[in-house]
Structures are given as C-alpha cells and as structure tokens.
Amino acid sequence: MSKLYRITRPDFRLPYGSNPNTREALTTDARNLPCIYWPDGRWCLAANMYVLDLYDRGHSRQGIGGTLATYASNISHLLHFCFDRSLDFHELSDGQFTTFIKDLREERRENGERKRADNHVRAIAFNCLDFLFFVAELREDEALVAKHGRIRAFRKLVQTPEGTYALGEWTHSALPTADPK
C-alpha cells in the first residue's frame, strides 16, 4: 500500500485570513504538516480538514510530521478502503467498517506472518473512527458514528484523576482485544 500523504516544506506557511488594511495574507508556521491525497493523486478535502483540526488542537509536527503524520498514515488505510470500493466516507455502514477492521487484521506479509499486531489495528481503528466522527460533524450527520448509528461506535465517559470526566477510547464490536503491553 502506498503512502497517501506528503509533508510540507520547512518554509510552508498556512494562510488563515487577511489584514483588512493592507490586504496582506496572514499566515502561520505550518512546516511538517501532512497533506493527504487519494490513491489517484487527488487532494482529499475531508482528510486535510481533519489534519488542520488536529493541528489547531496542538498535535505534534516534530521530526517528519510527528503525531499528525501518524494520524495521516493511519487514516490512509481507510482512504484506500473507500477508494477501492468507490465509497464516500459518509456512505460507510457498520458492516463495511467491520470488514475494514477484519482486512487490517488479516493482511499478511510475503512470509505469511501478520502485518500488524492487534494494538496497531486498534490504533488505526481509533484514528479512523475519530476521523469519521469529524466527517459526521462536518456533515451535521449525528447518525454516521454513534452507539446506534450507521457505524455503531461510541466513546465512554471516564473519570480522570482530577475527578472530571473525559471521553475515553472508541468502542466498536470489530475492534480486536488489546495485546498485553
């Protein structure tokens, strides 16, 4: 499977507005930012909007793309899956997402050994569910990723040491059990 993202140059600046007095573009440092493409080379709008959302939330771009590159790499599997089936992200069903996870688990190297450990499959699935939830929010489609949605996945509330609640890991019936750490 080919890599579906490229990292921006060290001098790349991301425009975010313009100065009303001078009409000059206002920009911010965006070096080492992954830009995601479909397998046929077209720019993937939803995936790049997701990366920008993660960027705005402060995810790392250190080294060769940092955490953002990891997320881009992980959701690339879903882009390949959807592209090969001529599906848009919002068209995915629970059965198709289950098949996607099954395919990730069953993919083999030339020597017959599994390509990914279950923890790696889980990481890919978590990033893909987070991405699909982002797509659902963009489309204002509450039924795409939900406990009783077209993709039946949800995050439980978990109590933090400070006594507050936060959203935990994604839950979906196709996720493999975590390997011991």
N, C-alpha and C. Protein backbone atom coordinates (compact mmCIF):
# COMPACT_ATOMS: atom_id res chain seq x y z
N MET A 1 0.85 -1.18 0.00
CA MET A 1 0.00 0.00 0.00
C MET A 1 0.89 1.24 0.00
N SER A 2 0.57 2.17 -0.84
CA SER A 2 1.38 3.39 -0.96
C SER A 2 0.98 4.41 0.11
N LYS A 3 1.96 5.23 0.46
CA LYS A 3 1.74 6.30 1.42
C LYS A 3 0.90 7.38 0.74
N LEU A 4 -0.13 7.86 1.42
CA LEU A 4 -1.05 8.82 0.81
C LEU A 4 -0.86 10.25 1.32
N TYR A 5 0.25 10.54 1.94
CA TYR A 5 0.47 11.91 2.40
C TYR A 5 1.89 12.34 2.11
N ARG A 6 2.05 13.65 2.02
CA ARG A 6 3.37 14.27 1.88
C ARG A 6 3.48 15.36 2.94
N ILE A 7 4.67 15.54 3.43
CA ILE A 7 4.94 16.54 4.48
C ILE A 7 5.30 17.87 3.81
N THR A 8 4.75 18.96 4.35
CA THR A 8 5.04 20.28 3.79
C THR A 8 6.51 20.67 4.03
N ARG A 9 6.97 21.60 3.23
CA ARG A 9 8.36 22.08 3.31
C ARG A 9 8.62 22.83 4.62
N PRO A 10 9.88 22.98 5.00
CA PRO A 10 10.22 23.71 6.23
C PRO A 10 9.80 25.19 6.22
N ASP A 11 9.60 25.77 5.02
CA ASP A 11 9.21 27.18 4.94
C ASP A 11 7.71 27.37 4.68
N PHE A 12 6.92 26.29 4.76
CA PHE A 12 5.49 26.37 4.44
C PHE A 12 4.75 27.20 5.49
N ARG A 13 3.91 28.11 5.02
CA ARG A 13 3.08 28.95 5.87
C ARG A 13 1.63 28.72 5.48
N LEU A 14 0.76 28.59 6.46
CA LEU A 14 -0.65 28.34 6.21
C LEU A 14 -1.42 29.65 6.33
N PRO A 15 -2.13 30.05 5.28
CA PRO A 15 -2.93 31.28 5.37
C PRO A 15 -4.16 31.05 6.25
N TYR A 16 -4.52 32.05 7.03
CA TYR A 16 -5.71 31.93 7.88
C TYR A 16 -6.59 33.18 7.84
N GLY A 17 -6.23 34.15 7.04
CA GLY A 17 -7.03 35.36 6.93
C GLY A 17 -6.26 36.44 6.20
N SER A 18 -6.79 37.66 6.26
CA SER A 18 -6.09 38.78 5.64
C SER A 18 -6.22 40.02 6.50
N ASN A 19 -5.22 40.86 6.39
CA ASN A 19 -5.23 42.14 7.09
C ASN A 19 -6.17 43.06 6.34
N PRO A 20 -7.25 43.56 6.99
CA PRO A 20 -8.23 44.38 6.26
C PRO A 20 -7.64 45.70 5.76
N ASN A 21 -6.59 46.21 6.40
CA ASN A 21 -6.00 47.49 6.00
C ASN A 21 -5.06 47.34 4.81
N THR A 22 -4.23 46.31 4.85
CA THR A 22 -3.21 46.14 3.81
C THR A 22 -3.56 45.06 2.79
N ARG A 23 -4.58 44.27 3.09
CA ARG A 23 -5.00 43.16 2.25
C ARG A 23 -3.92 42.09 2.10
N GLU A 24 -2.96 42.11 3.02
CA GLU A 24 -1.92 41.08 3.00
C GLU A 24 -2.45 39.82 3.70
N ALA A 25 -1.98 38.69 3.22
CA ALA A 25 -2.39 37.41 3.82
C ALA A 25 -1.74 37.26 5.19
N LEU A 26 -2.52 36.80 6.15
CA LEU A 26 -1.99 36.46 7.47
C LEU A 26 -1.71 34.96 7.45
N THR A 27 -0.52 34.59 7.89
CA THR A 27 -0.12 33.19 7.82
C THR A 27 0.46 32.73 9.15
N THR A 28 0.54 31.42 9.30
CA THR A 28 1.15 30.82 10.48
C THR A 28 2.07 29.69 10.03
N ASP A 29 3.06 29.40 10.83
CA ASP A 29 4.01 28.33 10.54
C ASP A 29 3.27 27.01 10.40
N ALA A 30 3.49 26.31 9.30
CA ALA A 30 2.85 25.01 9.09
C ALA A 30 3.85 24.02 8.48
N ARG A 31 5.11 24.15 8.87
CA ARG A 31 6.10 23.18 8.37
C ARG A 31 5.79 21.80 8.95
N ASN A 32 6.19 20.77 8.24
CA ASN A 32 6.00 19.37 8.66
C ASN A 32 4.53 19.00 8.84
N LEU A 33 3.67 19.61 8.07
CA LEU A 33 2.24 19.31 8.13
C LEU A 33 1.90 18.30 7.04
N PRO A 34 1.29 17.16 7.39
CA PRO A 34 0.94 16.19 6.35
C PRO A 34 -0.21 16.70 5.47
N CYS A 35 -0.05 16.55 4.16
CA CYS A 35 -1.11 16.82 3.19
C CYS A 35 -1.52 15.47 2.62
N ILE A 36 -2.80 15.16 2.68
CA ILE A 36 -3.29 13.82 2.34
C ILE A 36 -3.97 13.81 0.97
N TYR A 37 -3.68 12.75 0.21
CA TYR A 37 -4.19 12.59 -1.15
C TYR A 37 -4.89 11.24 -1.30
N TRP A 38 -5.86 11.18 -2.20
CA TRP A 38 -6.49 9.92 -2.57
C TRP A 38 -5.46 9.08 -3.32
N PRO A 39 -5.66 7.76 -3.43
CA PRO A 39 -4.71 6.92 -4.17
C PRO A 39 -4.48 7.36 -5.62
N ASP A 40 -5.44 8.06 -6.23
CA ASP A 40 -5.24 8.52 -7.61
C ASP A 40 -4.56 9.89 -7.69
N GLY A 41 -4.12 10.42 -6.54
CA GLY A 41 -3.37 11.67 -6.52
C GLY A 41 -4.18 12.92 -6.25
N ARG A 42 -5.51 12.82 -6.21
CA ARG A 42 -6.34 13.99 -5.90
C ARG A 42 -6.22 14.32 -4.42
N TRP A 43 -6.29 15.62 -4.11
CA TRP A 43 -6.23 16.10 -2.73
C TRP A 43 -7.51 15.66 -2.02
N CYS A 44 -7.43 15.14 -0.79
CA CYS A 44 -8.61 14.69 -0.05
C CYS A 44 -9.04 15.79 0.92
N LEU A 45 -10.11 16.49 0.57
CA LEU A 45 -10.57 17.63 1.35
C LEU A 45 -10.88 17.25 2.80
N ALA A 46 -11.70 16.23 3.02
CA ALA A 46 -12.11 15.86 4.38
C ALA A 46 -10.91 15.48 5.24
N ALA A 47 -10.00 14.69 4.69
CA ALA A 47 -8.82 14.26 5.46
C ALA A 47 -7.92 15.45 5.80
N ASN A 48 -7.76 16.38 4.87
CA ASN A 48 -6.92 17.55 5.14
C ASN A 48 -7.59 18.51 6.13
N MET A 49 -8.91 18.60 6.08
CA MET A 49 -9.61 19.41 7.09
C MET A 49 -9.42 18.80 8.47
N TYR A 50 -9.45 17.47 8.54
CA TYR A 50 -9.22 16.76 9.79
C TYR A 50 -7.81 17.04 10.32
N VAL A 51 -6.81 16.97 9.45
CA VAL A 51 -5.43 17.26 9.86
C VAL A 51 -5.34 18.70 10.37
N LEU A 52 -5.99 19.64 9.71
CA LEU A 52 -5.98 21.03 10.17
C LEU A 52 -6.65 21.15 11.54
N ASP A 53 -7.72 20.39 11.76
CA ASP A 53 -8.38 20.40 13.07
C ASP A 53 -7.42 19.88 14.14
N LEU A 54 -6.72 18.80 13.85
CA LEU A 54 -5.73 18.26 14.79
C LEU A 54 -4.59 19.26 15.02
N TYR A 55 -4.17 19.92 13.97
CA TYR A 55 -3.13 20.95 14.04
C TYR A 55 -3.59 22.07 14.98
N ASP A 56 -4.85 22.52 14.80
CA ASP A 56 -5.40 23.57 15.66
C ASP A 56 -5.48 23.14 17.12
N ARG A 57 -5.64 21.82 17.34
CA ARG A 57 -5.71 21.30 18.71
C ARG A 57 -4.32 21.07 19.30
N GLY A 58 -3.27 21.37 18.52
CA GLY A 58 -1.92 21.32 19.06
C GLY A 58 -1.18 20.00 18.93
N HIS A 59 -1.64 19.12 18.05
CA HIS A 59 -0.91 17.86 17.85
C HIS A 59 0.47 18.14 17.24
N SER A 60 1.42 17.29 17.56
CA SER A 60 2.83 17.48 17.19
C SER A 60 3.09 17.34 15.70
N ARG A 61 4.02 18.19 15.22
CA ARG A 61 4.53 18.11 13.85
C ARG A 61 6.05 17.88 13.89
N GLN A 62 6.57 17.51 15.04
CA GLN A 62 8.01 17.36 15.21
C GLN A 62 8.59 16.31 14.28
N GLY A 63 9.85 16.46 13.97
CA GLY A 63 10.53 15.49 13.11
C GLY A 63 9.91 15.48 11.73
N ILE A 64 9.45 14.32 11.32
CA ILE A 64 8.85 14.19 9.99
C ILE A 64 7.33 14.11 10.13
N GLY A 65 6.74 15.11 10.75
CA GLY A 65 5.29 15.20 10.84
C GLY A 65 4.70 14.83 12.18
N GLY A 66 5.46 14.22 13.08
CA GLY A 66 5.01 13.91 14.43
C GLY A 66 3.71 13.12 14.49
N THR A 67 2.90 13.44 15.49
CA THR A 67 1.62 12.76 15.69
C THR A 67 0.70 12.95 14.48
N LEU A 68 0.77 14.11 13.86
CA LEU A 68 -0.08 14.36 12.69
C LEU A 68 0.24 13.38 11.56
N ALA A 69 1.51 13.07 11.37
CA ALA A 69 1.89 12.10 10.34
C ALA A 69 1.40 10.70 10.71
N THR A 70 1.42 10.37 11.99
CA THR A 70 0.90 9.07 12.42
C THR A 70 -0.58 8.97 12.11
N TYR A 71 -1.35 10.03 12.44
CA TYR A 71 -2.78 10.04 12.14
C TYR A 71 -3.00 9.95 10.63
N ALA A 72 -2.22 10.70 9.84
CA ALA A 72 -2.35 10.67 8.38
C ALA A 72 -2.08 9.27 7.85
N SER A 73 -1.05 8.63 8.37
CA SER A 73 -0.73 7.27 7.97
C SER A 73 -1.86 6.31 8.33
N ASN A 74 -2.40 6.45 9.53
CA ASN A 74 -3.46 5.55 9.98
C ASN A 74 -4.75 5.71 9.19
N ILE A 75 -5.15 6.94 8.90
CA ILE A 75 -6.40 7.11 8.15
C ILE A 75 -6.21 6.81 6.67
N SER A 76 -4.95 6.73 6.21
CA SER A 76 -4.69 6.35 4.82
C SER A 76 -5.26 4.98 4.51
N HIS A 77 -5.26 4.09 5.49
CA HIS A 77 -5.84 2.75 5.29
C HIS A 77 -7.32 2.86 4.93
N LEU A 78 -8.03 3.78 5.60
CA LEU A 78 -9.46 3.97 5.32
C LEU A 78 -9.66 4.61 3.94
N LEU A 79 -8.77 5.53 3.56
CA LEU A 79 -8.86 6.13 2.23
C LEU A 79 -8.71 5.07 1.15
N HIS A 80 -7.74 4.16 1.31
CA HIS A 80 -7.57 3.07 0.35
C HIS A 80 -8.83 2.21 0.30
N PHE A 81 -9.37 1.86 1.47
CA PHE A 81 -10.55 1.01 1.55
C PHE A 81 -11.72 1.67 0.81
N CYS A 82 -11.99 2.93 1.10
CA CYS A 82 -13.11 3.64 0.46
C CYS A 82 -12.87 3.84 -1.03
N PHE A 83 -11.65 4.19 -1.40
CA PHE A 83 -11.32 4.41 -2.81
C PHE A 83 -11.53 3.13 -3.62
N ASP A 84 -11.04 2.01 -3.10
CA ASP A 84 -11.16 0.73 -3.81
C ASP A 84 -12.61 0.30 -4.00
N ARG A 85 -13.51 0.79 -3.16
CA ARG A 85 -14.93 0.42 -3.24
C ARG A 85 -15.82 1.56 -3.75
N SER A 86 -15.19 2.65 -4.19
CA SER A 86 -15.92 3.83 -4.68
C SER A 86 -16.94 4.33 -3.67
N LEU A 87 -16.53 4.39 -2.40
CA LEU A 87 -17.39 4.86 -1.32
C LEU A 87 -16.92 6.22 -0.82
N ASP A 88 -17.86 7.07 -0.47
CA ASP A 88 -17.51 8.28 0.26
C ASP A 88 -17.57 7.92 1.74
N PHE A 89 -16.86 8.66 2.57
CA PHE A 89 -16.77 8.33 4.00
C PHE A 89 -18.14 8.26 4.65
N HIS A 90 -19.03 9.19 4.29
CA HIS A 90 -20.35 9.24 4.93
C HIS A 90 -21.27 8.11 4.46
N GLU A 91 -20.84 7.34 3.45
CA GLU A 91 -21.64 6.22 2.97
C GLU A 91 -21.31 4.90 3.67
N LEU A 92 -20.27 4.89 4.48
CA LEU A 92 -19.86 3.65 5.15
C LEU A 92 -20.95 3.13 6.08
N SER A 93 -21.07 1.81 6.10
CA SER A 93 -22.01 1.16 7.02
C SER A 93 -21.20 0.46 8.11
N ASP A 94 -21.88 -0.02 9.11
CA ASP A 94 -21.21 -0.75 10.18
C ASP A 94 -20.56 -2.03 9.63
N GLY A 95 -21.24 -2.70 8.73
CA GLY A 95 -20.69 -3.91 8.13
C GLY A 95 -19.43 -3.62 7.34
N GLN A 96 -19.41 -2.51 6.60
CA GLN A 96 -18.22 -2.14 5.84
C GLN A 96 -17.07 -1.76 6.77
N PHE A 97 -17.38 -1.05 7.86
CA PHE A 97 -16.32 -0.71 8.81
C PHE A 97 -15.77 -1.99 9.46
N THR A 98 -16.64 -2.94 9.74
CA THR A 98 -16.22 -4.22 10.31
C THR A 98 -15.30 -4.95 9.33
N THR A 99 -15.66 -4.94 8.05
CA THR A 99 -14.82 -5.55 7.02
C THR A 99 -13.46 -4.85 6.95
N PHE A 100 -13.46 -3.54 7.05
CA PHE A 100 -12.22 -2.76 7.05
C PHE A 100 -11.29 -3.23 8.18
N ILE A 101 -11.83 -3.38 9.39
CA ILE A 101 -11.03 -3.83 10.54
C ILE A 101 -10.55 -5.26 10.31
N LYS A 102 -11.44 -6.11 9.82
CA LYS A 102 -11.08 -7.52 9.54
C LYS A 102 -9.94 -7.58 8.53
N ASP A 103 -10.03 -6.77 7.47
CA ASP A 103 -8.96 -6.74 6.46
C ASP A 103 -7.63 -6.30 7.06
N LEU A 104 -7.66 -5.31 7.94
CA LEU A 104 -6.42 -4.85 8.59
C LEU A 104 -5.80 -5.99 9.41
N ARG A 105 -6.65 -6.73 10.11
CA ARG A 105 -6.15 -7.83 10.96
C ARG A 105 -5.61 -8.99 10.12
N GLU A 106 -6.22 -9.24 8.98
CA GLU A 106 -5.86 -10.42 8.19
C GLU A 106 -4.75 -10.19 7.17
N GLU A 107 -4.38 -8.92 6.96
CA GLU A 107 -3.34 -8.63 5.96
C GLU A 107 -2.02 -9.30 6.38
N ARG A 108 -1.38 -9.95 5.40
CA ARG A 108 -0.17 -10.74 5.67
C ARG A 108 1.02 -10.23 4.87
N ARG A 109 2.19 -10.47 5.43
CA ARG A 109 3.45 -10.21 4.72
C ARG A 109 3.69 -11.36 3.75
N GLU A 110 4.72 -11.24 2.93
CA GLU A 110 5.04 -12.29 1.96
C GLU A 110 5.36 -13.61 2.64
N ASN A 111 5.93 -13.55 3.86
CA ASN A 111 6.30 -14.79 4.57
C ASN A 111 5.11 -15.40 5.32
N GLY A 112 3.91 -14.80 5.19
CA GLY A 112 2.71 -15.34 5.81
C GLY A 112 2.42 -14.81 7.21
N GLU A 113 3.33 -14.05 7.75
CA GLU A 113 3.12 -13.52 9.10
C GLU A 113 2.21 -12.30 9.04
N ARG A 114 1.43 -12.09 10.12
CA ARG A 114 0.52 -10.94 10.16
C ARG A 114 1.29 -9.63 10.01
N LYS A 115 0.71 -8.71 9.28
CA LYS A 115 1.36 -7.43 9.02
C LYS A 115 1.30 -6.51 10.25
N ARG A 116 0.23 -6.65 11.05
CA ARG A 116 0.03 -5.75 12.20
C ARG A 116 -0.40 -6.52 13.43
N ALA A 117 0.13 -6.09 14.58
CA ALA A 117 -0.34 -6.62 15.87
C ALA A 117 -1.71 -5.99 16.16
N ASP A 118 -2.46 -6.61 17.04
CA ASP A 118 -3.80 -6.10 17.37
C ASP A 118 -3.77 -4.67 17.92
N ASN A 119 -2.74 -4.33 18.70
CA ASN A 119 -2.67 -2.96 19.22
C ASN A 119 -2.51 -1.94 18.08
N HIS A 120 -1.80 -2.32 17.04
CA HIS A 120 -1.64 -1.43 15.88
C HIS A 120 -2.98 -1.30 15.14
N VAL A 121 -3.69 -2.40 14.98
CA VAL A 121 -5.02 -2.37 14.35
C VAL A 121 -5.94 -1.46 15.16
N ARG A 122 -5.89 -1.60 16.48
CA ARG A 122 -6.72 -0.75 17.35
C ARG A 122 -6.38 0.73 17.16
N ALA A 123 -5.10 1.06 17.09
CA ALA A 123 -4.69 2.46 16.90
C ALA A 123 -5.21 3.01 15.58
N ILE A 124 -5.10 2.21 14.53
CA ILE A 124 -5.62 2.63 13.22
C ILE A 124 -7.14 2.84 13.32
N ALA A 125 -7.83 1.89 13.93
CA ALA A 125 -9.29 1.99 14.05
C ALA A 125 -9.70 3.20 14.87
N PHE A 126 -9.01 3.48 15.98
CA PHE A 126 -9.33 4.65 16.81
C PHE A 126 -9.19 5.93 16.00
N ASN A 127 -8.08 6.06 15.24
CA ASN A 127 -7.88 7.26 14.43
C ASN A 127 -8.93 7.36 13.33
N CYS A 128 -9.28 6.23 12.73
CA CYS A 128 -10.31 6.25 11.67
C CYS A 128 -11.68 6.60 12.22
N LEU A 129 -12.02 6.08 13.38
CA LEU A 129 -13.31 6.43 14.00
C LEU A 129 -13.34 7.91 14.37
N ASP A 130 -12.23 8.42 14.88
CA ASP A 130 -12.15 9.84 15.20
C ASP A 130 -12.32 10.68 13.93
N PHE A 131 -11.68 10.25 12.85
CA PHE A 131 -11.82 10.94 11.57
C PHE A 131 -13.27 10.88 11.07
N LEU A 132 -13.88 9.70 11.12
CA LEU A 132 -15.26 9.56 10.67
C LEU A 132 -16.22 10.39 11.52
N PHE A 133 -15.94 10.49 12.81
CA PHE A 133 -16.75 11.34 13.69
C PHE A 133 -16.60 12.80 13.26
N PHE A 134 -15.38 13.20 12.90
CA PHE A 134 -15.13 14.55 12.39
C PHE A 134 -15.95 14.79 11.12
N VAL A 135 -15.93 13.81 10.21
CA VAL A 135 -16.71 13.91 8.97
C VAL A 135 -18.20 14.06 9.30
N ALA A 136 -18.66 13.28 10.26
CA ALA A 136 -20.07 13.35 10.67
C ALA A 136 -20.42 14.75 11.19
N GLU A 137 -19.51 15.32 11.98
CA GLU A 137 -19.76 16.68 12.49
C GLU A 137 -19.78 17.69 11.35
N LEU A 138 -18.87 17.56 10.39
CA LEU A 138 -18.85 18.47 9.23
C LEU A 138 -20.17 18.41 8.47
N ARG A 139 -20.69 17.21 8.32
CA ARG A 139 -21.92 17.00 7.55
C ARG A 139 -23.18 17.16 8.41
N GLU A 140 -22.98 17.44 9.71
CA GLU A 140 -24.09 17.53 10.66
C GLU A 140 -24.93 16.26 10.59
N ASP A 141 -24.24 15.12 10.61
CA ASP A 141 -24.86 13.80 10.47
C ASP A 141 -24.63 13.02 11.76
N GLU A 142 -25.52 13.18 12.71
CA GLU A 142 -25.38 12.53 14.01
C GLU A 142 -25.53 11.01 13.93
N ALA A 143 -26.03 10.50 12.81
CA ALA A 143 -26.28 9.07 12.69
C ALA A 143 -25.11 8.31 12.05
N LEU A 144 -24.05 9.00 11.63
CA LEU A 144 -22.96 8.29 10.98
C LEU A 144 -22.18 7.43 11.98
N VAL A 145 -21.65 8.05 13.03
CA VAL A 145 -20.89 7.32 14.05
C VAL A 145 -21.56 7.58 15.39
N ALA A 146 -22.27 6.58 15.88
CA ALA A 146 -22.99 6.71 17.15
C ALA A 146 -23.30 5.31 17.67
N LYS A 147 -23.70 5.25 18.92
CA LYS A 147 -23.99 3.95 19.54
C LYS A 147 -24.98 3.14 18.71
N HIS A 148 -25.97 3.81 18.14
CA HIS A 148 -26.97 3.14 17.30
C HIS A 148 -26.94 3.70 15.89
N GLY A 149 -25.77 4.20 15.46
CA GLY A 149 -25.62 4.83 14.16
C GLY A 149 -25.36 3.84 13.04
N ARG A 150 -25.09 4.39 11.86
CA ARG A 150 -24.76 3.53 10.71
C ARG A 150 -23.44 2.80 10.97
N ILE A 151 -22.52 3.47 11.64
CA ILE A 151 -21.33 2.81 12.19
C ILE A 151 -21.53 2.84 13.69
N ARG A 152 -21.71 1.66 14.28
CA ARG A 152 -22.06 1.57 15.70
C ARG A 152 -20.80 1.60 16.56
N ALA A 153 -20.40 2.82 16.87
CA ALA A 153 -19.22 3.04 17.70
C ALA A 153 -19.51 4.21 18.64
N PHE A 154 -18.86 4.20 19.78
CA PHE A 154 -19.04 5.28 20.74
C PHE A 154 -17.85 5.35 21.67
N ARG A 155 -17.77 6.45 22.39
CA ARG A 155 -16.74 6.63 23.42
C ARG A 155 -17.42 6.76 24.77
N LYS A 156 -16.92 6.02 25.73
CA LYS A 156 -17.46 6.10 27.08
C LYS A 156 -16.85 7.28 27.82
N LEU A 157 -17.61 7.81 28.77
CA LEU A 157 -17.04 8.83 29.65
C LEU A 157 -16.23 8.12 30.72
N VAL A 158 -15.03 8.61 30.97
CA VAL A 158 -14.18 8.03 32.01
C VAL A 158 -13.79 9.13 32.99
N GLN A 159 -13.65 8.74 34.25
CA GLN A 159 -13.28 9.71 35.28
C GLN A 159 -11.77 9.86 35.31
N THR A 160 -11.31 11.10 35.33
CA THR A 160 -9.88 11.38 35.38
C THR A 160 -9.44 11.45 36.84
N PRO A 161 -8.13 11.41 37.11
CA PRO A 161 -7.64 11.54 38.49
C PRO A 161 -8.10 12.84 39.17
N GLU A 162 -8.38 13.86 38.37
CA GLU A 162 -8.83 15.15 38.93
C GLU A 162 -10.32 15.12 39.27
N GLY A 163 -11.00 14.02 38.95
CA GLY A 163 -12.42 13.91 39.27
C GLY A 163 -13.34 14.40 38.17
N THR A 164 -12.77 14.87 37.06
CA THR A 164 -13.60 15.30 35.94
C THR A 164 -13.80 14.13 34.99
N TYR A 165 -14.67 14.30 34.01
CA TYR A 165 -14.94 13.25 33.05
C TYR A 165 -14.41 13.64 31.67
N ALA A 166 -13.90 12.67 30.96
CA ALA A 166 -13.40 12.88 29.61
C ALA A 166 -13.86 11.71 28.74
N LEU A 167 -13.85 11.93 27.44
CA LEU A 167 -14.20 10.85 26.53
C LEU A 167 -13.04 9.86 26.47
N GLY A 168 -13.35 8.59 26.62
CA GLY A 168 -12.33 7.55 26.56
C GLY A 168 -12.13 7.05 25.15
N GLU A 169 -11.55 5.86 25.03
CA GLU A 169 -11.28 5.25 23.73
C GLU A 169 -12.59 4.87 23.04
N TRP A 170 -12.50 4.78 21.73
CA TRP A 170 -13.64 4.34 20.94
C TRP A 170 -13.94 2.88 21.23
N THR A 171 -15.20 2.53 21.17
CA THR A 171 -15.66 1.15 21.32
C THR A 171 -16.41 0.77 20.05
N HIS A 172 -16.07 -0.39 19.50
CA HIS A 172 -16.77 -0.94 18.34
C HIS A 172 -16.61 -2.45 18.41
N SER A 173 -17.63 -3.17 18.01
CA SER A 173 -17.64 -4.63 18.16
C SER A 173 -16.53 -5.32 17.36
N ALA A 174 -16.03 -4.71 16.30
CA ALA A 174 -15.00 -5.35 15.46
C ALA A 174 -13.58 -5.14 15.99
N LEU A 175 -13.43 -4.26 16.97
CA LEU A 175 -12.06 -3.99 17.47
C LEU A 175 -11.48 -5.23 18.14
N PRO A 176 -10.24 -5.57 17.82
CA PRO A 176 -9.62 -6.71 18.49
C PRO A 176 -9.32 -6.35 19.94
N THR A 177 -9.18 -7.37 20.75
CA THR A 177 -8.78 -7.17 22.14
C THR A 177 -7.36 -6.66 22.17
N ALA A 178 -7.08 -5.75 23.06
CA ALA A 178 -5.73 -5.19 23.15
C ALA A 178 -4.73 -6.25 23.56
N ASP A 179 -3.56 -6.21 22.94
CA ASP A 179 -2.45 -7.08 23.34
C ASP A 179 -1.92 -6.60 24.68
N PRO A 180 -1.36 -7.50 25.49
CA PRO A 180 -0.73 -7.03 26.74
C PRO A 180 0.39 -6.06 26.39
N LYS A 181 0.54 -5.03 27.19
CA LYS A 181 1.58 -4.03 26.91
C LYS A 181 2.93 -4.56 27.34
